Amino acid sequence: MKRKTTIRYLAILVIVMAISACSYNKSIVKTAFDTMTISKAAYETSMVTLANLSGRGLLSDKDRGKAFEIADIYSKAHNAAVEALAKYAESGELTDRELYIKQIEMVNTALIDLLEIAKPYLEGK
């Protein structure tokens, strides 16, 4: 029960951080890098949880396959977001910022999808 609550709060925190990063241009780069760090920690926690469930034989093959697909999407989106943010930090161009925002939205969606896979198992599916 505690793990489920922790994962849920991490997902909410990632989304809140992304929104705050978009609303404060003055500190968008620092806040955005902090967001990416938190997002990666939540992703890693999710993957460890799913790996533990799989190792105990509690995760179905279908859900394990789906988790790997989503993890690939997350990883690529996260890397693209980091690159876009670095480019925005150098240029200050709004188009670079918009690209970062697009990528962080993909990161958040993938992270939420991973949490949705784990949720039924953590609730005692």
Protein backbone atom coordinates (compact mmCIF):
# COMPACT_ATOMS: atom_id res chain seq x y z
CA MET A 1 0.00 0.00 0.00
CA LYS A 2 2.84 2.39 0.87
CA ARG A 3 4.59 1.73 -2.45
CA LYS A 4 1.41 2.49 -4.41
CA THR A 5 0.99 5.81 -2.63
CA THR A 6 4.65 6.70 -3.15
CA ILE A 7 4.48 5.98 -6.87
CA ARG A 8 1.27 7.97 -7.23
CA TYR A 9 2.82 10.96 -5.44
CA LEU A 10 5.94 10.75 -7.59
CA ALA A 11 3.83 10.85 -10.77
CA ILE A 12 1.87 13.83 -9.46
CA LEU A 13 5.09 15.57 -8.48
CA VAL A 14 6.55 15.09 -11.96
CA ILE A 15 3.47 16.61 -13.55
CA VAL A 16 3.41 19.54 -11.12
CA MET A 17 7.10 20.20 -11.72
CA ALA A 18 6.56 20.17 -15.49
CA ILE A 19 3.73 22.66 -15.20
CA SER A 20 5.74 24.93 -12.95
CA ALA A 21 8.68 24.71 -15.34
CA CYS A 22 6.46 25.99 -18.11
CA SER A 23 5.06 28.87 -16.09
CA TYR A 24 8.31 30.46 -14.84
CA ASN A 25 10.50 31.58 -17.71
CA LYS A 26 12.98 33.16 -15.30
CA SER A 27 14.02 29.83 -13.83
CA ILE A 28 12.66 27.44 -16.43
CA VAL A 29 15.99 25.78 -17.13
CA LYS A 30 16.81 24.97 -13.50
CA THR A 31 13.26 23.90 -12.73
CA ALA A 32 13.13 21.83 -15.92
CA PHE A 33 16.39 20.06 -15.12
CA ASP A 34 15.03 19.36 -11.63
CA THR A 35 11.88 17.99 -13.26
CA MET A 36 13.92 15.67 -15.44
CA THR A 37 15.83 14.40 -12.41
CA ILE A 38 12.62 13.69 -10.50
CA SER A 39 11.07 12.07 -13.54
CA LYS A 40 14.04 9.77 -13.98
CA ALA A 41 13.92 8.76 -10.31
CA ALA A 42 10.21 7.95 -10.63
CA TYR A 43 10.90 5.97 -13.81
CA GLU A 44 13.66 3.99 -12.14
CA THR A 45 11.43 3.28 -9.14
CA SER A 46 8.68 2.08 -11.46
CA MET A 47 11.05 -0.20 -13.36
CA VAL A 48 12.48 -1.68 -10.15
CA THR A 49 8.96 -2.32 -8.89
CA LEU A 50 7.97 -4.02 -12.15
CA ALA A 51 11.20 -6.05 -12.18
CA ASN A 52 10.53 -7.21 -8.61
CA LEU A 53 6.99 -8.20 -9.54
CA SER A 54 8.28 -10.05 -12.59
CA GLY A 55 11.00 -11.79 -10.58
CA ARG A 56 8.39 -13.09 -8.17
CA GLY A 57 6.26 -14.33 -11.06
CA LEU A 58 3.52 -11.80 -10.35
CA LEU A 59 3.72 -9.80 -13.59
CA SER A 60 2.05 -11.26 -16.65
CA ASP A 61 4.05 -11.71 -19.86
CA LYS A 62 1.69 -9.28 -21.58
CA ASP A 63 2.25 -6.57 -18.96
CA ARG A 64 6.01 -7.19 -18.93
CA GLY A 65 6.12 -6.75 -22.72
CA LYS A 66 4.00 -3.64 -22.51
CA ALA A 67 6.28 -2.24 -19.78
CA PHE A 68 9.35 -2.74 -22.00
CA GLU A 69 7.63 -0.95 -24.89
CA ILE A 70 6.66 1.98 -22.67
CA ALA A 71 10.12 2.06 -21.08
CA ASP A 72 11.63 2.41 -24.55
CA ILE A 73 9.29 5.31 -25.33
CA TYR A 74 10.11 6.93 -21.98
CA SER A 75 13.85 6.54 -22.48
CA LYS A 76 13.82 8.07 -25.96
CA ALA A 77 11.51 10.92 -24.89
CA HIS A 78 13.62 11.60 -21.79
CA ASN A 79 16.83 11.77 -23.82
CA ALA A 80 15.19 14.03 -26.40
CA ALA A 81 13.84 16.27 -23.61
CA VAL A 82 17.31 16.59 -22.06
CA GLU A 83 18.77 17.51 -25.46
CA ALA A 84 15.98 20.00 -26.17
CA LEU A 85 16.39 21.57 -22.75
CA ALA A 86 20.15 21.91 -23.20
CA LYS A 87 19.56 23.55 -26.57
CA TYR A 88 16.99 25.91 -25.03
CA ALA A 89 19.40 26.76 -22.19
CA GLU A 90 21.97 27.84 -24.80
CA SER A 91 19.68 29.60 -27.27
CA GLY A 92 16.75 30.93 -25.23
CA GLU A 93 14.63 30.42 -28.35
CA LEU A 94 10.93 29.75 -27.81
CA THR A 95 10.92 27.02 -30.45
CA ASP A 96 13.52 25.11 -28.43
CA ARG A 97 11.40 25.58 -25.30
CA GLU A 98 8.33 24.29 -27.13
CA LEU A 99 10.26 21.22 -28.25
CA TYR A 100 11.28 20.56 -24.64
CA ILE A 101 7.67 20.93 -23.48
CA LYS A 102 6.52 18.47 -26.14
CA GLN A 103 9.13 15.94 -25.05
CA ILE A 104 8.40 16.32 -21.33
CA GLU A 105 4.73 15.68 -22.07
CA MET A 106 5.74 12.41 -23.75
CA VAL A 107 7.94 11.57 -20.75
CA ASN A 108 5.07 12.18 -18.33
CA THR A 109 2.63 10.14 -20.40
CA ALA A 110 5.03 7.19 -20.56
CA LEU A 111 5.71 7.41 -16.83
CA ILE A 112 2.00 7.43 -16.03
CA ASP A 113 1.51 4.44 -18.35
CA LEU A 114 4.22 2.53 -16.46
CA LEU A 115 2.55 3.36 -13.17
CA GLU A 116 -0.78 2.15 -14.55
CA ILE A 117 0.77 -1.23 -15.37
CA ALA A 118 2.10 -1.58 -11.82
CA LYS A 119 -1.02 -0.27 -10.07
CA PRO A 120 -3.20 -3.40 -10.22
CA TYR A 121 -0.32 -5.55 -8.97
CA LEU A 122 0.41 -3.23 -6.10
CA GLU A 123 -3.26 -3.20 -5.16
CA GLY A 124 -3.27 -7.00 -5.08
CA LYS A 125 -4.60 -7.90 -8.54
